Amino acid sequence: MAKRGARGMYRKQLTLKFFPGGMTLREKSVLFEYSNLYEKASFSDDKRLIRRKKRMSDDMRTPFERDRHRIIFSDAFRAYRGKTQVFSLSNYLLSDRMVHVNYVAQVSRMIAKALDLNVDLTEAIAYGHDLGHPPFGHDGEYILSEICQHYGIGHFHHNVHGVRVVDEIERNGEGLNLTFAVRDGIASHDGEVHNMKLEPEWEKTDEDLENYLSSKVNGEAVQTFPATLEGCVVRIADTVAYIGSDIEDAIKLGIIKRKELPRNLVEILGNTNGKIIETIVKDIVRTSYHQPFVSFSKEISDAVLELKKWNYENIYLRWQTRNDEISMRLRKEKEKIRTGLWRIFEEMLFDLETGRKESPVYKFFMKMSRDYREKYGDKKAVVVRDFIASLTDAEAQRLIAESSVPRSIFDFVKSF
């Protein structure tokens, strides 16, 4: 009790020292929001947006600030730096998941600040939007989804798994206890369909979010939009961040040359990542300022869509058909990833079913909370999926390599 009283006394002194009249730092932040943000922005005292599974209080930070801090101190966030963005090659000059997430966060922050939206919420969603990505980039996601379907546990989607990470996997199964607005932003950031305009689903509920997540796991072709303007900003910034970055990576790998970029699109958007980002961000701000939506102009929207199609055909597909050295290497790496992920999934599942205590998946399971172990103890394929999705590229490569080397029969017997 004495310790709690001392902390309370310090907090009171801090409050009186900096904010005469008894205003806390959190209350000061909320006051700033009401004085400066657009009326349709997300406010830190909006009970619909800040609700959590477990009640929390904090006099120093707003709920969205707290969520941002919880995300950037999470294990899944640290794993970003070891996960591939697009190309599964070890090269520090190429964009990894950490680079991409930081691009998205900075682009999102620029847009949110210019539109008078809640920057804390925007950054929390941006930093958390890819927490559910498995190793080996997009290839890893597609292959892991194939494996999950084979074992009858549904489809794997990184945005859906991202919510699972923050709800049920982080902190050894306790979860991060994030607000509805941030969880929704993580789930809703993934927009494969190009949208010129994003307007929030203002009345979205927890039930709506859970129904969307379940439908995606079941393989249904459903779409959802974020519940907030800040979530819309992150979703559109995700496109802005990767469309030019993927071009730069493809040029470094020799898949394309800068002079191959369509001249009509270069004239509108630019021919470097920096220029493309600048052009699109300015357009979004001009089009969306103090509007109940986040949008491109018609001209920029058409150009972005055309460039996305060009990227798909000339970057993501070209290396699958060409016979130059880099394309053949990329195809070979993809096949290694497929074979390797299937192998370690089968091996980890066997280890879990037979209770091999030395196995990393067994250790992963045993360190989880009692609730997690009781809920998934008889759903071992789900546990293996959670484990593999949490791995970095290097960790997965090590397990694949180990599974390819025969163990001594004596070591094998001793492990049981």
Protein backbone atom coordinates (compact mmCIF):
# COMPACT_ATOMS: atom_id res chain seq x y z
CA MET A 1 0.00 0.00 0.00
CA ALA A 2 2.83 2.38 0.82
CA LYS A 3 4.35 1.86 -2.59
CA ARG A 4 1.05 2.60 -4.32
CA GLY A 5 0.59 5.70 -2.17
CA ALA A 6 4.06 6.97 -3.07
CA ARG A 7 3.32 6.50 -6.77
CA GLY A 8 0.04 8.35 -6.39
CA MET A 9 1.75 11.23 -4.55
CA TYR A 10 4.38 11.50 -7.32
CA ARG A 11 1.65 11.55 -9.97
CA LYS A 12 -0.20 14.28 -8.08
CA GLN A 13 2.99 16.37 -7.77
CA LEU A 14 3.73 15.87 -11.48
CA THR A 15 0.22 16.96 -12.39
CA LEU A 16 0.29 20.07 -10.19
CA LYS A 17 3.79 21.00 -11.35
CA PHE A 18 3.05 20.96 -15.06
CA PHE A 19 -0.71 21.48 -15.19
CA PRO A 20 -2.06 23.69 -12.41
CA GLY A 21 -5.66 22.87 -11.67
CA GLY A 22 -5.19 19.11 -11.61
CA MET A 23 -5.18 18.25 -15.34
CA THR A 24 -3.36 15.02 -16.16
CA LEU A 25 -1.18 14.49 -19.24
CA ARG A 26 -3.88 12.29 -20.75
CA GLU A 27 -6.55 14.91 -20.15
CA LYS A 28 -4.30 17.55 -21.69
CA SER A 29 -3.93 15.37 -24.79
CA VAL A 30 -7.70 14.93 -25.07
CA LEU A 31 -8.16 18.68 -24.71
CA PHE A 32 -5.66 19.20 -27.55
CA GLU A 33 -7.65 16.80 -29.71
CA TYR A 34 -10.91 18.67 -29.18
CA SER A 35 -9.18 21.96 -29.92
CA ASN A 36 -7.37 20.89 -33.08
CA LEU A 37 -8.78 17.79 -34.77
CA TYR A 38 -11.38 17.53 -37.51
CA GLU A 39 -14.85 16.82 -36.11
CA LYS A 40 -14.95 13.35 -37.70
CA ALA A 41 -11.52 12.36 -36.42
CA SER A 42 -11.22 9.73 -33.68
CA PHE A 43 -11.11 11.12 -30.16
CA SER A 44 -9.36 9.44 -27.25
CA ASP A 45 -12.44 9.53 -25.01
CA ASP A 46 -14.80 7.94 -27.54
CA LYS A 47 -16.05 4.90 -25.65
CA ARG A 48 -17.00 3.09 -28.86
CA LEU A 49 -13.43 3.27 -30.17
CA ILE A 50 -11.38 2.82 -26.99
CA ARG A 51 -13.18 -0.20 -25.54
CA ARG A 52 -10.90 -3.11 -24.63
CA LYS A 53 -11.42 -6.66 -23.47
CA LYS A 54 -9.95 -5.71 -20.09
CA ARG A 55 -10.33 -2.32 -18.49
CA MET A 56 -7.19 -0.17 -18.20
CA SER A 57 -6.42 3.31 -16.85
CA ASP A 58 -3.47 5.59 -17.50
CA ASP A 59 -3.08 9.22 -16.46
CA MET A 60 -0.02 9.73 -18.67
CA ARG A 61 -1.13 8.41 -22.07
CA THR A 62 -4.25 8.31 -24.17
CA PRO A 63 -5.59 4.84 -25.06
CA PHE A 64 -4.16 5.10 -28.58
CA GLU A 65 -0.74 6.19 -27.32
CA ARG A 66 -0.75 3.20 -25.00
CA ASP A 67 -1.65 0.87 -27.87
CA ARG A 68 1.18 2.25 -30.00
CA HIS A 69 3.67 1.65 -27.21
CA ARG A 70 2.40 -1.88 -26.59
CA ILE A 71 2.80 -2.68 -30.28
CA ILE A 72 6.33 -1.33 -30.70
CA PHE A 73 7.51 -3.20 -27.58
CA SER A 74 5.94 -6.49 -28.70
CA ASP A 75 7.83 -9.58 -29.89
CA ALA A 76 5.95 -9.54 -33.20
CA PHE A 77 7.09 -5.97 -33.88
CA ARG A 78 10.75 -6.88 -33.28
CA ALA A 79 10.32 -9.80 -35.69
CA TYR A 80 9.54 -7.35 -38.54
CA ARG A 81 13.25 -6.78 -39.08
CA GLY A 82 13.78 -10.44 -39.93
CA LYS A 83 10.85 -10.91 -42.31
CA THR A 84 10.79 -10.47 -46.07
CA GLN A 85 8.60 -7.84 -47.71
CA VAL A 86 8.33 -9.21 -51.29
CA PHE A 87 11.54 -10.87 -52.49
CA SER A 88 12.83 -13.82 -50.46
CA LEU A 89 16.51 -13.03 -50.85
CA SER A 90 19.00 -12.04 -48.16
CA ASN A 91 20.01 -8.54 -49.22
CA TYR A 92 20.03 -5.57 -46.86
CA LEU A 93 19.42 -3.22 -49.80
CA LEU A 94 15.96 -4.72 -50.32
CA SER A 95 12.91 -3.76 -48.28
CA ASP A 96 12.17 -6.04 -45.35
CA ARG A 97 8.97 -5.93 -43.33
CA MET A 98 10.39 -3.43 -40.83
CA VAL A 99 11.35 -1.00 -43.59
CA HIS A 100 7.90 -1.28 -45.14
CA VAL A 101 6.08 -0.77 -41.83
CA ASN A 102 8.14 2.33 -41.09
CA TYR A 103 7.37 3.67 -44.58
CA VAL A 104 3.67 3.11 -43.95
CA ALA A 105 3.88 4.76 -40.52
CA GLN A 106 5.61 7.87 -41.87
CA VAL A 107 3.32 8.24 -44.89
CA SER A 108 0.28 7.67 -42.66
CA ARG A 109 1.51 10.23 -40.15
CA MET A 110 2.03 12.85 -42.89
CA ILE A 111 -1.47 12.35 -44.23
CA ALA A 112 -3.19 12.19 -40.82
CA LYS A 113 -1.43 15.31 -39.58
CA ALA A 114 -2.35 17.26 -42.72
CA LEU A 115 -5.98 16.12 -42.48
CA ASP A 116 -6.27 17.01 -38.75
CA LEU A 117 -6.84 13.41 -37.74
CA ASN A 118 -5.64 11.51 -34.67
CA VAL A 119 -1.94 10.85 -35.27
CA ASP A 120 -1.57 8.54 -32.24
CA LEU A 121 -4.30 6.19 -33.51
CA THR A 122 -2.93 6.36 -37.06
CA GLU A 123 0.58 5.40 -35.93
CA ALA A 124 -0.69 2.58 -33.71
CA ILE A 125 -2.55 1.01 -36.65
CA ALA A 126 0.37 1.60 -39.02
CA TYR A 127 2.95 0.00 -36.73
CA GLY A 128 0.64 -2.94 -36.06
CA HIS A 129 -0.84 -3.50 -39.50
CA ASP A 130 1.55 -6.30 -40.58
CA LEU A 131 2.08 -8.09 -37.25
CA GLY A 132 0.41 -11.18 -38.67
CA HIS A 133 2.82 -11.69 -41.58
CA PRO A 134 4.65 -15.03 -41.64
CA PRO A 135 8.24 -15.47 -42.85
CA PHE A 136 9.16 -15.30 -46.56
CA GLY A 137 6.89 -12.46 -47.62
CA HIS A 138 3.85 -12.96 -49.83
CA ASP A 139 5.06 -16.41 -50.92
CA GLY A 140 5.17 -17.51 -47.29
CA GLU A 141 1.62 -16.27 -46.72
CA TYR A 142 0.20 -18.10 -49.75
CA ILE A 143 2.03 -21.35 -48.95
CA LEU A 144 1.07 -21.26 -45.25
CA SER A 145 -2.54 -20.74 -46.30
CA GLU A 146 -2.34 -23.85 -48.50
CA ILE A 147 -0.97 -25.85 -45.58
CA CYS A 148 -3.62 -24.58 -43.17
CA GLN A 149 -6.40 -25.53 -45.58
CA HIS A 150 -4.88 -28.98 -45.97
CA TYR A 151 -5.01 -29.50 -42.20
CA GLY A 152 -8.58 -28.22 -41.95
CA ILE A 153 -7.94 -25.02 -39.97
CA GLY A 154 -9.07 -22.59 -42.66
CA HIS A 155 -7.37 -20.00 -44.80
CA PHE A 156 -4.43 -17.92 -43.57
CA HIS A 157 -4.55 -14.15 -44.11
CA HIS A 158 -1.96 -11.88 -42.52
CA ASN A 159 -4.49 -9.18 -41.58
CA VAL A 160 -6.72 -11.72 -39.83
CA HIS A 161 -3.76 -13.33 -38.11
CA GLY A 162 -2.56 -9.87 -37.06
CA VAL A 163 -5.64 -9.50 -34.87
CA ARG A 164 -5.00 -12.98 -33.50
CA VAL A 165 -1.42 -11.97 -32.65
CA VAL A 166 -2.49 -8.96 -30.60
CA ASP A 167 -5.47 -10.76 -29.02
CA GLU A 168 -4.23 -14.28 -28.26
CA ILE A 169 -0.52 -14.77 -28.97
CA GLU A 170 1.50 -11.81 -27.71
CA ARG A 171 2.68 -11.80 -24.10
CA ASN A 172 2.65 -15.61 -24.00
CA GLY A 173 -1.00 -15.84 -24.89
CA GLU A 174 -2.28 -12.98 -22.75
CA GLY A 175 -2.54 -10.60 -25.71
CA LEU A 176 -1.92 -6.86 -25.85
CA ASN A 177 -5.47 -5.83 -24.91
CA LEU A 178 -5.69 -3.19 -27.64
CA THR A 179 -8.59 -0.85 -28.33
CA PHE A 180 -11.30 -1.71 -30.83
CA ALA A 181 -10.15 1.07 -33.19
CA VAL A 182 -6.60 -0.32 -33.46
CA ARG A 183 -7.69 -3.96 -33.77
CA ASP A 184 -10.16 -2.95 -36.47
CA GLY A 185 -7.49 -0.96 -38.30
CA ILE A 186 -5.17 -3.98 -38.35
CA ALA A 187 -7.94 -6.22 -39.71
CA SER A 188 -9.22 -3.71 -42.24
CA HIS A 189 -5.96 -2.49 -43.75
CA ASP A 190 -5.79 -5.24 -46.34
CA GLY A 191 -7.46 -4.03 -49.50
CA GLU A 192 -6.62 -6.14 -52.53
CA VAL A 193 -9.35 -4.35 -54.49
CA HIS A 194 -8.35 -0.84 -55.58
CA ASN A 195 -10.57 1.85 -54.06
CA MET A 196 -10.48 5.47 -55.19
CA LYS A 197 -12.36 6.49 -52.06
CA LEU A 198 -12.38 4.95 -48.60
CA GLU A 199 -15.26 5.90 -46.33
CA PRO A 200 -15.37 4.44 -42.81
CA GLU A 201 -17.98 1.99 -41.62
CA TRP A 202 -18.93 4.40 -38.86
CA GLU A 203 -21.30 2.02 -37.04
CA LYS A 204 -19.08 -1.07 -37.13
CA THR A 205 -19.28 -3.21 -34.00
CA ASP A 206 -17.15 -5.91 -32.37
CA GLU A 207 -19.59 -8.46 -33.77
CA ASP A 208 -19.12 -7.08 -37.29
CA LEU A 209 -15.35 -7.36 -36.92
CA GLU A 210 -15.52 -10.94 -35.59
CA ASN A 211 -17.87 -11.97 -38.41
CA TYR A 212 -15.45 -10.56 -40.99
CA LEU A 213 -12.49 -12.39 -39.45
CA SER A 214 -14.38 -15.68 -39.35
CA SER A 215 -15.57 -15.28 -42.94
CA LYS A 216 -12.01 -14.73 -44.17
CA VAL A 217 -10.75 -17.83 -42.36
CA ASN A 218 -13.60 -19.77 -43.97
CA GLY A 219 -12.46 -18.67 -47.42
CA GLU A 220 -15.33 -16.30 -48.16
CA ALA A 221 -14.64 -13.38 -50.51
CA VAL A 222 -15.72 -10.65 -48.11
CA GLN A 223 -14.58 -7.05 -47.90
CA THR A 224 -14.64 -4.61 -45.03
CA PHE A 225 -13.67 -0.98 -44.52
CA PRO A 226 -12.11 0.56 -41.41
CA ALA A 227 -14.31 1.99 -38.69
CA THR A 228 -12.27 5.23 -38.58
CA LEU A 229 -10.77 7.78 -40.93
CA GLU A 230 -7.40 6.96 -39.40
CA GLY A 231 -7.82 3.33 -40.41
CA CYS A 232 -8.64 4.50 -43.94
CA VAL A 233 -5.45 6.58 -43.97
CA VAL A 234 -3.30 3.55 -43.09
CA ARG A 235 -5.01 1.39 -45.70
CA ILE A 236 -4.37 3.91 -48.46
CA ALA A 237 -0.85 4.66 -47.17
CA ASP A 238 -0.02 0.95 -47.38
CA THR A 239 -0.48 1.19 -51.15
CA VAL A 240 1.46 4.44 -51.35
CA ALA A 241 4.37 2.94 -49.40
CA TYR A 242 4.82 -0.25 -51.40
CA ILE A 243 4.01 0.78 -54.96
CA GLY A 244 7.21 2.78 -55.45
CA SER A 245 9.32 0.73 -53.03
CA ASP A 246 8.66 -2.47 -54.97
CA ILE A 247 9.83 -0.71 -58.14
CA GLU A 248 13.10 0.29 -56.46
CA ASP A 249 13.67 -3.28 -55.21
CA ALA A 250 12.93 -4.72 -58.66
CA ILE A 251 15.41 -2.31 -60.24
CA LYS A 252 18.11 -3.31 -57.73
CA LEU A 253 17.50 -6.96 -58.55
CA GLY A 254 17.62 -6.32 -62.28
CA ILE A 255 14.05 -7.49 -62.88
CA ILE A 256 13.16 -4.17 -64.53
CA LYS A 257 14.95 -1.00 -65.64
CA ARG A 258 13.78 2.47 -64.67
CA LYS A 259 13.48 3.45 -68.33
CA GLU A 260 10.85 0.70 -68.77
CA LEU A 261 8.35 2.50 -66.53
CA PRO A 262 5.32 3.66 -68.58
CA ARG A 263 5.96 7.22 -69.76
CA ASN A 264 2.37 8.36 -69.21
CA LEU A 265 2.50 7.21 -65.56
CA VAL A 266 5.95 8.73 -65.00
CA GLU A 267 4.60 12.09 -66.18
CA ILE A 268 1.77 11.92 -63.64
CA LEU A 269 3.36 10.16 -60.64
CA GLY A 270 7.15 10.38 -61.14
CA ASN A 271 9.76 7.67 -61.65
CA THR A 272 11.30 7.31 -58.16
CA ASN A 273 9.85 6.12 -54.89
CA GLY A 274 10.25 9.55 -53.29
CA LYS A 275 8.54 11.39 -56.12
CA ILE A 276 5.71 8.88 -56.31
CA ILE A 277 5.05 9.21 -52.57
CA GLU A 278 5.17 13.02 -52.72
CA THR A 279 2.74 13.18 -55.64
CA ILE A 280 0.21 10.78 -54.16
CA VAL A 281 0.31 12.20 -50.61
CA LYS A 282 -0.29 15.76 -51.84
CA ASP A 283 -3.19 14.53 -53.95
CA ILE A 284 -4.78 12.65 -51.03
CA VAL A 285 -4.51 15.70 -48.77
CA ARG A 286 -6.02 18.03 -51.39
CA THR A 287 -8.87 15.62 -52.10
CA SER A 288 -9.66 14.54 -48.54
CA TYR A 289 -9.13 17.61 -46.33
CA HIS A 290 -11.98 17.81 -43.79
CA GLN A 291 -14.04 15.27 -45.73
CA PRO A 292 -15.77 12.18 -44.29
CA PHE A 293 -13.58 9.97 -46.46
CA VAL A 294 -9.97 9.46 -47.60
CA SER A 295 -9.58 9.56 -51.36
CA PHE A 296 -7.40 9.95 -54.41
CA SER A 297 -8.44 12.32 -57.17
CA LYS A 298 -9.77 10.57 -60.29
CA GLU A 299 -6.57 11.23 -62.26
CA ILE A 300 -4.24 9.94 -59.54
CA SER A 301 -6.50 7.00 -58.73
CA ASP A 302 -6.46 5.86 -62.34
CA ALA A 303 -2.68 6.28 -62.53
CA VAL A 304 -2.11 4.35 -59.27
CA LEU A 305 -4.35 1.51 -60.44
CA GLU A 306 -2.55 1.34 -63.78
CA LEU A 307 0.86 1.34 -62.05
CA LYS A 308 -0.27 -1.44 -59.68
CA LYS A 309 -1.29 -3.53 -62.70
CA TRP A 310 2.02 -2.76 -64.42
CA ASN A 311 3.94 -3.75 -61.28
CA TYR A 312 2.01 -6.99 -61.04
CA GLU A 313 2.74 -7.99 -64.62
CA ASN A 314 6.34 -6.75 -64.81
CA ILE A 315 7.61 -7.34 -61.26
CA TYR A 316 5.56 -10.00 -59.51
CA LEU A 317 4.88 -12.16 -62.59
CA ARG A 318 7.83 -11.51 -64.89
CA TRP A 319 10.37 -13.43 -62.83
CA GLN A 320 8.05 -16.47 -62.89
CA THR A 321 8.42 -16.85 -66.69
CA ARG A 322 11.79 -15.37 -67.65
CA ASN A 323 14.97 -17.45 -67.84
CA ASP A 324 17.54 -14.89 -66.72
CA GLU A 325 19.69 -15.66 -63.69
CA ILE A 326 17.76 -13.63 -61.10
CA SER A 327 14.35 -14.93 -62.25
CA MET A 328 15.49 -18.54 -62.13
CA ARG A 329 16.97 -17.96 -58.68
CA LEU A 330 13.73 -16.43 -57.41
CA ARG A 331 11.72 -19.40 -58.72
CA LYS A 332 14.15 -21.81 -57.11
CA GLU A 333 13.90 -19.96 -53.79
CA LYS A 334 10.09 -20.05 -53.94
CA GLU A 335 10.11 -23.81 -54.45
CA LYS A 336 12.53 -24.18 -51.52
CA ILE A 337 10.14 -22.14 -49.39
CA ARG A 338 7.19 -24.33 -50.37
CA THR A 339 9.02 -27.57 -49.67
CA GLY A 340 10.55 -26.23 -46.48
CA LEU A 341 7.36 -24.85 -44.93
CA TRP A 342 5.46 -28.07 -45.62
CA ARG A 343 8.30 -30.07 -44.09
CA ILE A 344 8.60 -28.08 -40.88
CA PHE A 345 4.82 -27.86 -40.45
CA GLU A 346 4.60 -31.66 -40.63
CA GLU A 347 7.59 -32.11 -38.34
CA MET A 348 6.39 -29.57 -35.75
CA LEU A 349 2.94 -31.16 -35.77
CA PHE A 350 4.50 -34.58 -35.17
CA ASP A 351 6.62 -33.16 -32.33
CA LEU A 352 3.57 -31.64 -30.68
CA GLU A 353 1.46 -34.78 -31.06
CA THR A 354 4.20 -36.97 -29.59
CA GLY A 355 5.18 -34.50 -26.86
CA ARG A 356 8.83 -34.06 -27.86
CA LYS A 357 9.94 -31.60 -25.19
CA GLU A 358 13.10 -30.50 -27.04
CA SER A 359 11.07 -29.29 -30.01
CA PRO A 360 10.77 -25.50 -30.40
CA VAL A 361 7.02 -25.76 -31.03
CA TYR A 362 6.57 -27.72 -27.79
CA LYS A 363 8.49 -25.01 -25.91
CA PHE A 364 6.38 -22.35 -27.66
CA PHE A 365 3.19 -24.09 -26.54
CA MET A 366 4.30 -24.66 -22.96
CA LYS A 367 5.27 -21.04 -22.37
CA MET A 368 1.79 -19.86 -23.39
CA SER A 369 -0.89 -18.94 -20.87
CA ARG A 370 -3.16 -21.53 -19.31
CA ASP A 371 -6.11 -20.12 -21.29
CA TYR A 372 -4.24 -20.60 -24.58
CA ARG A 373 -3.13 -24.13 -23.68
CA GLU A 374 -6.62 -25.16 -22.62
CA LYS A 375 -8.23 -23.61 -25.70
CA TYR A 376 -5.81 -25.04 -28.26
CA GLY A 377 -4.41 -28.12 -26.54
CA ASP A 378 -6.42 -30.38 -28.84
CA LYS A 379 -6.02 -28.11 -31.89
CA LYS A 380 -2.38 -28.79 -32.52
CA ALA A 381 -2.36 -27.65 -36.15
CA VAL A 382 -3.50 -24.21 -34.94
CA VAL A 383 -0.59 -24.09 -32.48
CA VAL A 384 1.87 -25.05 -35.23
CA ARG A 385 0.44 -22.35 -37.48
CA ASP A 386 0.80 -19.75 -34.73
CA PHE A 387 4.37 -20.87 -34.11
CA ILE A 388 5.49 -20.87 -37.77
CA ALA A 389 3.81 -17.51 -38.49
CA SER A 390 5.81 -15.98 -35.64
CA LEU A 391 9.18 -17.01 -37.09
CA THR A 392 11.59 -14.71 -38.89
CA ASP A 393 13.03 -15.82 -42.23
CA ALA A 394 16.29 -16.84 -40.54
CA GLU A 395 14.53 -18.86 -37.83
CA ALA A 396 12.43 -20.67 -40.44
CA GLN A 397 15.52 -21.31 -42.59
CA ARG A 398 17.30 -22.83 -39.60
CA LEU A 399 14.39 -25.18 -38.86
CA ILE A 400 14.15 -26.15 -42.53
CA ALA A 401 17.87 -26.88 -42.62
CA GLU A 402 17.68 -28.93 -39.42
CA SER A 403 14.74 -30.93 -40.72
CA SER A 404 16.71 -31.75 -43.89
CA VAL A 405 19.64 -33.25 -41.98
CA PRO A 406 19.04 -36.78 -40.60
CA ARG A 407 19.32 -37.00 -36.84
CA SER A 408 21.21 -39.80 -35.15
CA ILE A 409 18.84 -42.61 -34.21
CA PHE A 410 20.20 -42.36 -30.65
CA ASP A 411 19.36 -38.64 -30.44
CA PHE A 412 15.95 -39.38 -31.89
CA VAL A 413 15.18 -42.08 -29.30
CA LYS A 414 16.52 -39.95 -26.43
CA SER A 415 14.12 -37.14 -27.33
CA PHE A 416 11.11 -39.23 -26.25
